[in-house]
Amino acid sequence: MQIVALKLVTIIAEAVLNDRLIRELKGMGAKGYTITQVRGEGSRGVRASDWEGQNVKIETLVSAVVADNILQHLADHYFTLYAVVAYVQTVEVVRGDKYT
């Protein structure tokens, strides 16, 4: 069994961005993703109503280069206009070749 160090990129965003973000992540090299609905409160407060939809948490395992590209893309296109949070963690993955 071989363990490979990869980056886990986690993005928490408005649900309206879900399809667009997935398309862009895949275009930048992400091989897969996991999405969950989440809720909470941050610098932009609590969502005003249900019609806005819940937030989504998108997680993807990628190389360090792809992780950097994703974060830069989010900073350039989303952070000032939308309620988006992103963070990266180094993780150790079995079958890491599936993700690069």
N, C-alpha and C. Protein backbone atom coordinates (compact mmCIF):
# COMPACT_ATOMS: atom_id res chain seq x y z
N MET A 1 0.85 -1.18 0.00
CA MET A 1 0.00 0.00 0.00
C MET A 1 0.89 1.24 0.00
N GLN A 2 0.62 2.13 -0.95
CA GLN A 2 1.38 3.37 -1.04
C GLN A 2 0.48 4.54 -0.67
N ILE A 3 1.02 5.43 0.16
CA ILE A 3 0.29 6.63 0.58
C ILE A 3 0.94 7.84 -0.11
N VAL A 4 0.10 8.70 -0.68
CA VAL A 4 0.57 9.86 -1.43
C VAL A 4 0.04 11.12 -0.76
N ALA A 5 0.90 12.14 -0.63
CA ALA A 5 0.47 13.43 -0.09
C ALA A 5 -0.19 14.24 -1.21
N LEU A 6 -1.40 14.67 -0.95
CA LEU A 6 -2.14 15.53 -1.88
C LEU A 6 -2.73 16.70 -1.12
N LYS A 7 -3.37 17.59 -1.84
CA LYS A 7 -4.04 18.73 -1.23
C LYS A 7 -5.55 18.51 -1.27
N LEU A 8 -6.19 18.71 -0.14
CA LEU A 8 -7.64 18.70 -0.06
C LEU A 8 -8.09 20.16 -0.10
N VAL A 9 -8.73 20.53 -1.19
CA VAL A 9 -9.27 21.89 -1.33
C VAL A 9 -10.73 21.84 -0.94
N THR A 10 -11.11 22.69 -0.01
CA THR A 10 -12.50 22.79 0.44
C THR A 10 -13.01 24.18 0.11
N ILE A 11 -14.15 24.21 -0.57
CA ILE A 11 -14.78 25.47 -0.95
C ILE A 11 -16.19 25.47 -0.37
N ILE A 12 -16.53 26.51 0.36
CA ILE A 12 -17.89 26.70 0.86
C ILE A 12 -18.44 27.92 0.13
N ALA A 13 -19.54 27.72 -0.58
CA ALA A 13 -20.04 28.77 -1.46
C ALA A 13 -21.56 28.75 -1.52
N GLU A 14 -22.11 29.81 -2.07
CA GLU A 14 -23.53 29.90 -2.32
C GLU A 14 -23.92 28.79 -3.30
N ALA A 15 -25.03 28.13 -3.04
CA ALA A 15 -25.46 27.00 -3.86
C ALA A 15 -25.64 27.38 -5.33
N VAL A 16 -25.96 28.62 -5.62
CA VAL A 16 -26.15 29.05 -7.00
C VAL A 16 -24.87 28.89 -7.82
N LEU A 17 -23.72 28.82 -7.17
CA LEU A 17 -22.44 28.68 -7.86
C LEU A 17 -22.04 27.22 -8.10
N ASN A 18 -22.80 26.29 -7.58
CA ASN A 18 -22.44 24.88 -7.59
C ASN A 18 -22.00 24.37 -8.97
N ASP A 19 -22.85 24.43 -9.95
CA ASP A 19 -22.54 23.88 -11.28
C ASP A 19 -21.36 24.59 -11.93
N ARG A 20 -21.34 25.90 -11.78
CA ARG A 20 -20.24 26.69 -12.37
C ARG A 20 -18.90 26.32 -11.74
N LEU A 21 -18.87 26.21 -10.42
CA LEU A 21 -17.62 25.86 -9.74
C LEU A 21 -17.14 24.46 -10.12
N ILE A 22 -18.06 23.52 -10.20
CA ILE A 22 -17.68 22.15 -10.58
C ILE A 22 -17.07 22.14 -11.98
N ARG A 23 -17.70 22.83 -12.90
CA ARG A 23 -17.19 22.91 -14.28
C ARG A 23 -15.78 23.50 -14.30
N GLU A 24 -15.57 24.56 -13.53
CA GLU A 24 -14.26 25.21 -13.50
C GLU A 24 -13.21 24.34 -12.81
N LEU A 25 -13.58 23.68 -11.72
CA LEU A 25 -12.64 22.79 -11.03
C LEU A 25 -12.16 21.68 -11.96
N LYS A 26 -13.09 21.07 -12.65
CA LYS A 26 -12.72 20.01 -13.59
C LYS A 26 -11.84 20.54 -14.71
N GLY A 27 -12.11 21.75 -15.16
CA GLY A 27 -11.30 22.37 -16.19
C GLY A 27 -9.89 22.68 -15.73
N MET A 28 -9.70 22.85 -14.43
CA MET A 28 -8.38 23.12 -13.88
C MET A 28 -7.63 21.85 -13.48
N GLY A 29 -8.28 20.68 -13.63
CA GLY A 29 -7.56 19.43 -13.38
C GLY A 29 -8.09 18.55 -12.27
N ALA A 30 -9.14 18.97 -11.58
CA ALA A 30 -9.72 18.11 -10.54
C ALA A 30 -10.36 16.90 -11.21
N LYS A 31 -10.07 15.71 -10.70
CA LYS A 31 -10.60 14.46 -11.27
C LYS A 31 -11.96 14.09 -10.68
N GLY A 32 -12.29 14.62 -9.53
CA GLY A 32 -13.55 14.31 -8.87
C GLY A 32 -13.81 15.30 -7.76
N TYR A 33 -14.93 15.14 -7.09
CA TYR A 33 -15.31 16.07 -6.04
C TYR A 33 -16.39 15.43 -5.18
N THR A 34 -16.60 16.01 -4.02
CA THR A 34 -17.70 15.64 -3.13
C THR A 34 -18.42 16.91 -2.76
N ILE A 35 -19.75 16.87 -2.80
CA ILE A 35 -20.55 18.05 -2.47
C ILE A 35 -21.50 17.70 -1.33
N THR A 36 -21.59 18.60 -0.35
CA THR A 36 -22.58 18.47 0.71
C THR A 36 -23.24 19.83 0.91
N GLN A 37 -24.49 19.81 1.34
CA GLN A 37 -25.18 21.05 1.69
C GLN A 37 -24.78 21.41 3.12
N VAL A 38 -24.50 22.69 3.33
CA VAL A 38 -24.06 23.15 4.65
C VAL A 38 -24.75 24.47 4.97
N ARG A 39 -24.69 24.84 6.22
CA ARG A 39 -25.20 26.15 6.62
C ARG A 39 -24.36 26.64 7.79
N GLY A 40 -24.41 27.94 7.99
CA GLY A 40 -23.62 28.53 9.05
C GLY A 40 -23.68 30.04 8.97
N GLU A 41 -22.80 30.68 9.69
CA GLU A 41 -22.75 32.13 9.71
C GLU A 41 -21.30 32.56 9.59
N GLY A 42 -21.08 33.62 8.82
CA GLY A 42 -19.73 34.15 8.63
C GLY A 42 -19.77 35.65 8.53
N SER A 43 -18.77 36.20 7.86
CA SER A 43 -18.65 37.66 7.76
C SER A 43 -19.82 38.30 7.01
N ARG A 44 -20.49 37.54 6.17
CA ARG A 44 -21.65 38.05 5.44
C ARG A 44 -22.96 37.72 6.15
N GLY A 45 -22.87 37.17 7.36
CA GLY A 45 -24.05 36.87 8.15
C GLY A 45 -24.71 35.57 7.77
N VAL A 46 -25.92 35.37 8.27
CA VAL A 46 -26.72 34.19 7.98
C VAL A 46 -27.55 34.49 6.74
N ARG A 47 -27.78 33.48 5.93
CA ARG A 47 -28.60 33.66 4.72
C ARG A 47 -29.98 34.16 5.12
N ALA A 48 -30.51 35.10 4.35
CA ALA A 48 -31.75 35.78 4.71
C ALA A 48 -32.99 34.90 4.61
N SER A 49 -33.04 34.00 3.63
CA SER A 49 -34.25 33.21 3.47
C SER A 49 -33.94 31.91 2.73
N ASP A 50 -34.90 30.99 2.78
CA ASP A 50 -34.73 29.70 2.13
C ASP A 50 -34.65 29.79 0.61
N TRP A 51 -35.28 30.78 0.01
CA TRP A 51 -35.28 30.86 -1.45
C TRP A 51 -33.89 31.06 -2.01
N GLU A 52 -32.97 31.61 -1.21
CA GLU A 52 -31.60 31.79 -1.68
C GLU A 52 -30.86 30.46 -1.78
N GLY A 53 -31.38 29.45 -1.10
CA GLY A 53 -30.72 28.15 -1.13
C GLY A 53 -29.65 28.04 -0.06
N GLN A 54 -29.33 26.81 0.28
CA GLN A 54 -28.28 26.60 1.25
C GLN A 54 -26.93 26.79 0.57
N ASN A 55 -25.91 26.79 1.39
CA ASN A 55 -24.56 26.80 0.87
C ASN A 55 -24.14 25.38 0.55
N VAL A 56 -23.13 25.24 -0.28
CA VAL A 56 -22.56 23.94 -0.58
C VAL A 56 -21.10 23.92 -0.14
N LYS A 57 -20.67 22.73 0.25
CA LYS A 57 -19.26 22.51 0.52
C LYS A 57 -18.76 21.56 -0.55
N ILE A 58 -17.78 22.01 -1.32
CA ILE A 58 -17.19 21.21 -2.38
C ILE A 58 -15.78 20.85 -1.96
N GLU A 59 -15.49 19.56 -1.98
CA GLU A 59 -14.15 19.09 -1.62
C GLU A 59 -13.55 18.33 -2.79
N THR A 60 -12.28 18.56 -3.05
CA THR A 60 -11.59 17.85 -4.11
C THR A 60 -10.14 17.58 -3.71
N LEU A 61 -9.63 16.44 -4.10
CA LEU A 61 -8.24 16.05 -3.86
C LEU A 61 -7.44 16.31 -5.13
N VAL A 62 -6.39 17.13 -5.01
CA VAL A 62 -5.62 17.54 -6.19
C VAL A 62 -4.15 17.69 -5.83
N SER A 63 -3.34 17.89 -6.85
CA SER A 63 -1.91 18.17 -6.63
C SER A 63 -1.75 19.59 -6.07
N ALA A 64 -0.57 19.89 -5.58
CA ALA A 64 -0.30 21.22 -5.03
C ALA A 64 -0.46 22.30 -6.09
N VAL A 65 -0.03 22.03 -7.31
CA VAL A 65 -0.15 23.01 -8.39
C VAL A 65 -1.60 23.30 -8.71
N VAL A 66 -2.41 22.27 -8.82
CA VAL A 66 -3.84 22.46 -9.10
C VAL A 66 -4.50 23.20 -7.95
N ALA A 67 -4.15 22.87 -6.71
CA ALA A 67 -4.72 23.57 -5.55
C ALA A 67 -4.41 25.05 -5.61
N ASP A 68 -3.17 25.41 -5.93
CA ASP A 68 -2.80 26.82 -6.04
C ASP A 68 -3.61 27.51 -7.14
N ASN A 69 -3.77 26.83 -8.27
CA ASN A 69 -4.54 27.40 -9.39
C ASN A 69 -6.00 27.62 -8.98
N ILE A 70 -6.57 26.68 -8.27
CA ILE A 70 -7.96 26.81 -7.82
C ILE A 70 -8.11 28.01 -6.89
N LEU A 71 -7.23 28.12 -5.91
CA LEU A 71 -7.32 29.24 -4.96
C LEU A 71 -7.16 30.58 -5.66
N GLN A 72 -6.23 30.66 -6.61
CA GLN A 72 -6.04 31.91 -7.33
C GLN A 72 -7.27 32.26 -8.16
N HIS A 73 -7.86 31.26 -8.79
CA HIS A 73 -9.07 31.47 -9.58
C HIS A 73 -10.22 31.98 -8.70
N LEU A 74 -10.37 31.37 -7.54
CA LEU A 74 -11.43 31.81 -6.62
C LEU A 74 -11.20 33.25 -6.18
N ALA A 75 -9.95 33.57 -5.86
CA ALA A 75 -9.62 34.93 -5.44
C ALA A 75 -9.90 35.94 -6.55
N ASP A 76 -9.58 35.57 -7.78
CA ASP A 76 -9.76 36.48 -8.91
C ASP A 76 -11.22 36.67 -9.32
N HIS A 77 -12.05 35.64 -9.14
CA HIS A 77 -13.40 35.69 -9.70
C HIS A 77 -14.56 35.64 -8.70
N TYR A 78 -14.31 35.28 -7.46
CA TYR A 78 -15.44 35.03 -6.56
C TYR A 78 -15.40 35.78 -5.22
N PHE A 79 -14.26 35.92 -4.61
CA PHE A 79 -14.20 36.39 -3.23
C PHE A 79 -14.87 37.75 -3.02
N THR A 80 -14.75 38.66 -3.95
CA THR A 80 -15.33 39.99 -3.74
C THR A 80 -16.82 40.06 -4.09
N LEU A 81 -17.31 39.08 -4.86
CA LEU A 81 -18.69 39.16 -5.33
C LEU A 81 -19.65 38.20 -4.63
N TYR A 82 -19.13 37.13 -4.04
CA TYR A 82 -19.98 36.09 -3.48
C TYR A 82 -19.51 35.70 -2.08
N ALA A 83 -20.40 35.02 -1.35
CA ALA A 83 -20.04 34.46 -0.06
C ALA A 83 -19.32 33.14 -0.33
N VAL A 84 -18.00 33.19 -0.41
CA VAL A 84 -17.18 32.02 -0.71
C VAL A 84 -16.01 31.98 0.26
N VAL A 85 -15.79 30.79 0.81
CA VAL A 85 -14.63 30.54 1.67
C VAL A 85 -13.90 29.35 1.08
N ALA A 86 -12.58 29.39 1.09
CA ALA A 86 -11.80 28.26 0.58
C ALA A 86 -10.60 28.03 1.48
N TYR A 87 -10.26 26.77 1.66
CA TYR A 87 -9.05 26.44 2.41
C TYR A 87 -8.46 25.14 1.89
N VAL A 88 -7.18 24.96 2.20
CA VAL A 88 -6.42 23.81 1.70
C VAL A 88 -5.75 23.12 2.88
N GLN A 89 -5.78 21.79 2.82
CA GLN A 89 -5.08 20.97 3.81
C GLN A 89 -4.24 19.95 3.07
N THR A 90 -3.10 19.61 3.64
CA THR A 90 -2.31 18.51 3.10
C THR A 90 -2.83 17.23 3.74
N VAL A 91 -3.14 16.25 2.89
CA VAL A 91 -3.69 14.98 3.36
C VAL A 91 -2.88 13.83 2.75
N GLU A 92 -2.93 12.69 3.41
CA GLU A 92 -2.27 11.50 2.89
C GLU A 92 -3.35 10.55 2.38
N VAL A 93 -3.21 10.12 1.13
CA VAL A 93 -4.27 9.40 0.45
C VAL A 93 -3.76 8.05 -0.05
N VAL A 94 -4.55 7.04 0.16
CA VAL A 94 -4.28 5.74 -0.44
C VAL A 94 -4.83 5.78 -1.87
N ARG A 95 -4.14 5.19 -2.81
CA ARG A 95 -4.52 5.22 -4.23
C ARG A 95 -4.48 6.64 -4.77
N GLY A 96 -3.47 7.39 -4.37
CA GLY A 96 -3.34 8.79 -4.78
C GLY A 96 -3.24 8.99 -6.26
N ASP A 97 -2.83 7.99 -7.02
CA ASP A 97 -2.71 8.13 -8.46
C ASP A 97 -4.06 8.39 -9.13
N LYS A 98 -5.16 8.08 -8.46
CA LYS A 98 -6.50 8.35 -9.00
C LYS A 98 -6.79 9.84 -9.10
N TYR A 99 -6.05 10.66 -8.36
CA TYR A 99 -6.38 12.08 -8.23
C TYR A 99 -5.44 13.01 -8.98
N THR A 100 -4.43 12.45 -9.61
CA THR A 100 -3.47 13.31 -10.32
C THR A 100 -3.35 12.92 -11.77
